[in-house]
Protein backbone atom coordinates (compact mmCIF):
# COMPACT_ATOMS: atom_id res chain seq x y z
CA MET A 1 -10.57 -13.98 -32.61
CA ARG A 2 -10.17 -10.44 -31.48
CA ARG A 3 -11.96 -9.36 -28.31
CA PHE A 4 -14.09 -6.25 -27.74
CA PHE A 5 -16.51 -4.83 -25.22
CA GLY A 6 -19.97 -3.89 -26.55
CA LEU A 7 -23.59 -3.31 -25.75
CA GLU A 8 -26.78 -5.17 -26.58
CA LYS A 9 -29.39 -3.06 -28.49
CA ASN A 10 -32.60 -4.32 -30.17
CA GLY A 11 -31.37 -7.90 -30.20
CA LYS A 12 -28.02 -7.01 -31.75
CA ILE A 13 -24.62 -6.38 -30.31
CA VAL A 14 -23.10 -3.00 -31.05
CA ILE A 15 -19.50 -1.89 -30.68
CA GLU A 16 -18.97 1.84 -30.23
CA GLY A 17 -16.51 4.52 -29.13
CA GLU A 18 -12.86 3.56 -28.81
CA GLU A 19 -13.73 -0.08 -29.22
CA TYR A 20 -15.25 0.68 -32.67
CA ASN A 21 -12.25 2.75 -33.63
CA HIS A 22 -9.91 -0.11 -32.72
CA LEU A 23 -12.03 -2.63 -34.71
CA LYS A 24 -12.57 -0.50 -37.83
CA ASN A 25 -9.57 1.82 -38.11
CA VAL A 26 -6.77 0.08 -36.28
CA LEU A 27 -7.38 -3.63 -37.01
CA ARG A 28 -9.32 -2.82 -40.21
CA LEU A 29 -11.85 -5.63 -39.68
CA GLY A 30 -14.73 -5.63 -42.12
CA VAL A 31 -18.17 -7.01 -42.70
CA GLY A 32 -18.22 -10.78 -42.13
CA SER A 33 -15.31 -10.68 -39.53
CA GLU A 34 -15.78 -12.90 -36.51
CA VAL A 35 -15.11 -11.36 -33.12
CA LEU A 36 -15.61 -12.14 -29.46
CA VAL A 37 -17.66 -9.58 -27.62
CA SER A 38 -18.11 -9.07 -23.87
CA LEU A 39 -21.21 -7.44 -22.40
CA ASN A 40 -19.89 -7.14 -18.87
CA ASP A 41 -21.56 -10.39 -17.88
CA ASN A 42 -20.42 -13.98 -17.46
CA PHE A 43 -20.38 -14.84 -21.16
CA GLU A 44 -18.29 -14.20 -24.18
CA TYR A 45 -20.36 -13.81 -27.34
CA ILE A 46 -19.26 -15.18 -30.69
CA CYS A 47 -20.28 -12.56 -33.17
CA GLU A 48 -20.12 -11.62 -36.84
CA VAL A 49 -19.85 -8.00 -38.02
CA GLU A 50 -23.00 -7.45 -40.11
CA LYS A 51 -22.65 -3.77 -41.08
CA PHE A 52 -21.21 -0.43 -40.07
CA GLU A 53 -23.20 2.64 -39.18
CA LYS A 54 -21.92 5.98 -38.00
CA ASN A 55 -19.13 5.18 -35.48
CA THR A 56 -20.83 1.82 -34.72
CA ALA A 57 -20.29 -1.80 -35.70
CA ILE A 58 -23.48 -3.86 -35.70
CA CYS A 59 -22.93 -7.53 -34.97
CA LYS A 60 -25.11 -10.65 -34.92
CA VAL A 61 -24.60 -13.33 -32.28
CA ASN A 62 -23.74 -16.79 -33.55
CA GLY A 63 -23.15 -18.33 -30.08
CA LYS A 64 -21.84 -17.81 -26.66
CA ASN A 65 -19.55 -19.46 -24.12
CA GLU A 66 -19.38 -19.12 -20.31
CA CYS A 67 -16.26 -17.17 -19.40
CA VAL A 68 -13.79 -19.02 -17.20
CA GLY A 69 -11.61 -16.01 -16.59
CA ASN A 70 -13.97 -14.06 -14.28
CA PRO A 71 -13.39 -13.91 -10.58
CA ARG A 72 -14.90 -16.69 -8.41
CA LYS A 73 -14.64 -14.62 -5.17
CA ASN A 74 -15.41 -11.01 -4.35
CA ILE A 75 -11.93 -9.61 -3.58
CA VAL A 76 -11.66 -5.83 -3.20
CA ILE A 77 -8.49 -3.77 -2.90
CA PHE A 78 -8.48 -0.54 -0.96
CA GLN A 79 -5.39 1.16 -2.39
CA ALA A 80 -4.01 4.41 -1.03
CA ILE A 81 -3.40 6.77 -3.92
CA THR A 82 0.09 6.56 -5.48
CA LYS A 83 1.82 8.49 -8.24
CA GLY A 84 -0.11 8.15 -11.54
CA GLN A 85 1.97 5.50 -13.37
CA LYS A 86 2.18 3.38 -10.23
CA PHE A 87 -1.55 3.49 -9.65
CA GLU A 88 -2.21 2.65 -13.28
CA PHE A 89 0.10 -0.34 -12.91
CA ILE A 90 -1.72 -1.54 -9.78
CA VAL A 91 -5.12 -1.14 -11.54
CA GLN A 92 -3.89 -3.13 -14.53
CA LYS A 93 -2.55 -5.99 -12.37
CA ALA A 94 -5.64 -5.97 -10.14
CA THR A 95 -7.74 -6.59 -13.23
CA GLU A 96 -5.47 -9.46 -14.43
CA ILE A 97 -5.33 -11.11 -11.00
CA GLY A 98 -9.11 -11.09 -10.62
CA ILE A 99 -9.96 -8.25 -8.31
CA SER A 100 -13.65 -7.27 -8.28
CA LYS A 101 -13.33 -3.67 -7.10
CA ILE A 102 -10.59 -1.06 -6.72
CA VAL A 103 -11.15 1.64 -4.13
CA PRO A 104 -8.62 4.50 -4.04
CA PHE A 105 -8.28 6.39 -0.76
CA VAL A 106 -6.32 9.25 0.71
CA SER A 107 -4.17 8.39 3.73
CA GLU A 108 -1.85 10.60 5.92
CA TYR A 109 1.31 9.89 3.88
CA VAL A 110 -0.16 10.06 0.38
CA ILE A 111 1.96 12.37 -1.80
CA ALA A 112 0.09 12.07 -5.03
CA LYS A 113 -2.74 14.39 -6.07
CA VAL A 114 -6.18 12.78 -6.50
CA SER A 115 -6.28 14.46 -9.96
CA GLU A 116 -3.28 12.44 -11.13
CA ASN A 117 -5.41 9.30 -11.42
CA LYS A 118 -7.96 10.17 -14.13
CA LYS A 119 -10.87 7.83 -14.04
CA GLU A 120 -11.36 7.72 -17.83
CA ARG A 121 -7.69 6.72 -18.24
CA LEU A 122 -8.08 4.06 -15.57
CA GLN A 123 -11.31 2.67 -17.17
CA SER A 124 -9.40 2.30 -20.47
CA ILE A 125 -6.63 0.43 -18.68
CA VAL A 126 -9.20 -1.89 -17.02
CA LEU A 127 -10.93 -2.61 -20.34
CA ASN A 128 -7.70 -3.48 -22.18
CA ALA A 129 -6.49 -5.60 -19.25
CA CYS A 130 -9.82 -7.55 -19.27
CA LYS A 131 -9.32 -8.28 -22.96
CA GLN A 132 -5.79 -9.39 -22.41
CA CYS A 133 -6.61 -11.77 -19.58
CA GLU A 134 -9.87 -13.02 -21.20
CA ARG A 135 -12.13 -11.71 -18.55
CA THR A 136 -15.64 -10.47 -19.46
CA ILE A 137 -16.61 -8.58 -16.27
CA LEU A 138 -14.95 -5.23 -15.67
CA PRO A 139 -13.74 -4.47 -12.15
CA VAL A 140 -15.44 -1.44 -10.58
CA ILE A 141 -13.32 1.63 -9.81
CA GLU A 142 -14.97 3.46 -6.89
CA LYS A 143 -14.71 7.11 -5.94
CA THR A 144 -11.85 8.18 -3.72
CA MET A 145 -12.48 7.65 0.02
CA THR A 146 -11.00 8.83 3.29
CA VAL A 147 -9.33 6.60 5.78
CA ASP A 148 -12.39 6.81 8.05
CA GLU A 149 -14.66 5.76 5.18
CA VAL A 150 -12.45 2.87 4.36
CA ALA A 151 -12.49 1.62 7.95
CA GLU A 152 -16.26 1.95 7.94
CA CYS A 153 -16.44 -0.48 4.99
CA PHE A 154 -14.66 -3.28 6.84
CA LYS A 155 -17.93 -4.55 8.39
CA ASP A 156 -19.09 -5.55 4.86
CA TYR A 157 -16.36 -8.20 4.44
CA ASP A 158 -15.68 -11.69 5.82
CA LEU A 159 -11.98 -10.93 6.13
CA VAL A 160 -9.94 -7.68 5.86
CA LEU A 161 -6.17 -7.86 5.46
CA PHE A 162 -3.96 -4.80 5.53
CA ALA A 163 -0.30 -4.82 4.57
CA ASN A 164 1.74 -3.70 7.61
CA GLU A 165 5.33 -3.53 6.70
CA ARG A 166 6.35 -2.87 10.35
CA ALA A 167 4.60 -5.79 11.95
CA ASP A 168 7.07 -7.88 13.99
CA ILE A 169 5.25 -11.11 13.04
CA GLY A 170 2.48 -10.85 10.55
CA GLU A 171 -0.59 -12.93 11.59
CA LYS A 172 -0.60 -16.13 9.58
CA VAL A 173 -3.74 -16.40 7.46
CA ARG A 174 -4.90 -19.94 6.71
CA ASN A 175 -7.84 -21.49 4.94
CA LEU A 176 -8.52 -18.42 2.78
CA ASP A 177 -10.65 -20.63 0.53
CA LYS A 178 -13.45 -20.53 3.18
CA TYR A 179 -13.89 -16.78 2.62
CA ASN A 180 -15.92 -15.42 -0.37
CA ASN A 181 -15.76 -11.72 0.45
CA ILE A 182 -12.29 -10.40 1.13
CA ALA A 183 -10.87 -6.89 1.37
CA ILE A 184 -7.12 -5.94 0.99
CA VAL A 185 -5.79 -2.62 2.21
CA VAL A 186 -2.43 -1.38 0.89
CA GLY A 187 -0.62 1.94 1.51
CA SER A 188 1.03 4.48 -0.74
CA GLU A 189 4.70 5.28 -1.04
CA GLY A 190 4.84 6.37 2.59
CA GLY A 191 2.94 3.52 4.08
CA PHE A 192 0.50 4.05 7.03
CA SER A 193 0.82 6.09 10.12
CA GLN A 194 0.66 4.33 13.53
CA LYS A 195 -2.75 5.99 14.10
CA GLU A 196 -4.06 4.57 10.83
CA LYS A 197 -2.82 1.08 11.65
CA GLU A 198 -4.54 1.22 14.99
CA LYS A 199 -7.73 2.47 13.33
CA PHE A 200 -7.73 -0.43 10.83
CA ILE A 201 -7.15 -3.00 13.58
CA SER A 202 -9.90 -1.57 15.79
CA ALA A 203 -12.25 -1.69 12.81
CA GLY A 204 -11.59 -5.43 12.46
CA ALA A 205 -8.76 -5.68 9.98
CA THR A 206 -5.97 -8.28 10.32
CA SER A 207 -2.48 -6.85 10.22
CA PHE A 208 -0.45 -8.88 7.65
CA SER A 209 3.29 -8.88 7.05
CA LEU A 210 4.73 -9.80 3.65
CA GLY A 211 8.15 -10.60 5.28
CA LYS A 212 11.22 -8.75 6.52
CA ARG A 213 11.93 -6.96 3.31
CA ILE A 214 10.26 -3.54 2.64
CA TYR A 215 8.49 -3.51 -0.72
CA ARG A 216 7.64 -0.67 -3.02
CA CYS A 217 3.92 0.10 -2.78
CA GLU A 218 3.14 -1.36 -6.17
CA THR A 219 5.04 -4.55 -5.36
CA ALA A 220 3.15 -4.92 -2.03
CA SER A 221 -0.14 -4.50 -3.84
CA VAL A 222 0.62 -7.14 -6.48
CA ALA A 223 2.02 -9.55 -3.82
CA MET A 224 -1.02 -9.12 -1.61
CA MET A 225 -3.55 -9.51 -4.40
CA SER A 226 -1.79 -12.50 -5.90
CA LEU A 227 -1.49 -14.29 -2.54
CA VAL A 228 -5.11 -13.75 -1.56
CA SER A 229 -6.46 -14.56 -5.04
CA ILE A 230 -4.52 -17.81 -5.29
CA LEU A 231 -4.99 -19.05 -1.72
CA SER A 232 -8.77 -18.22 -1.80
CA GLY A 233 -9.30 -20.17 -4.98
CA ASN A 234 -10.18 -17.03 -6.96
C-alpha cells in the first residue's frame, strides 16, 4: 500500500496539500483505495479512501499497526550549515538513519548562506524520506543556532560527540547502548576552528575521530549518525 502523512479530523483521517496532490493527481488513486497513513505518532493507520472534497481526501480507519521503523533513542545532530544540496542530502540520510532532531548552526568556517537551506524544502525531503524508510514520526528541524547556543545545549544530553578530523587519537566510545539521549556535532566544508573545538570540549563534548582519512562533511555526518545509531541500538 502507498504511504501518506495526514491529519485526524472529526474521527476521520484527511490527506491534504501536496500529499493529496500525490494521491489524487499523480498516483490517481480513487474512492475505495487502501492506503497507509501516518499521523506523526507511533502507529501506521490502514485506511480506505471514502470520498474527495476540495483538495482533500477523506479516509476511514480500518486498523492500525505499531510502527517498527521509528527511532528507539533520542539522537540529535547539530550540523553546521553546508551548501544547499549537501545539507539536503544530510537531512534525508538523518531521517532514514533514525535521527530525532536536526539542528543547523553557523560556525566560523561556514561558507553557505542560511537562506540556501529553505525550511519548506527540507520539510518535504523529511516527509518523503520518512515514507521511504517506513517511519511514522517526522524528525524536527530546528531554527539555525550559533556555536555558543549549540554548546549551551550540551547539558541536555547524556553524551555529546563531535567529529574532530584533527584529533591525534579519537576517544574510543564504548557501550553506546547505555545512552538514550545523544547529540552529534559535525562541521561544514571547512570544519571547526581550534577555538570552537576547545569550546565544545569545555562544554562537555567528547572529541571523536573517524580515522586518519579526511572526509567530506556530508560523509562525516552520515558516518557519525550511522555509527551512533547502530551502536546505541537505535
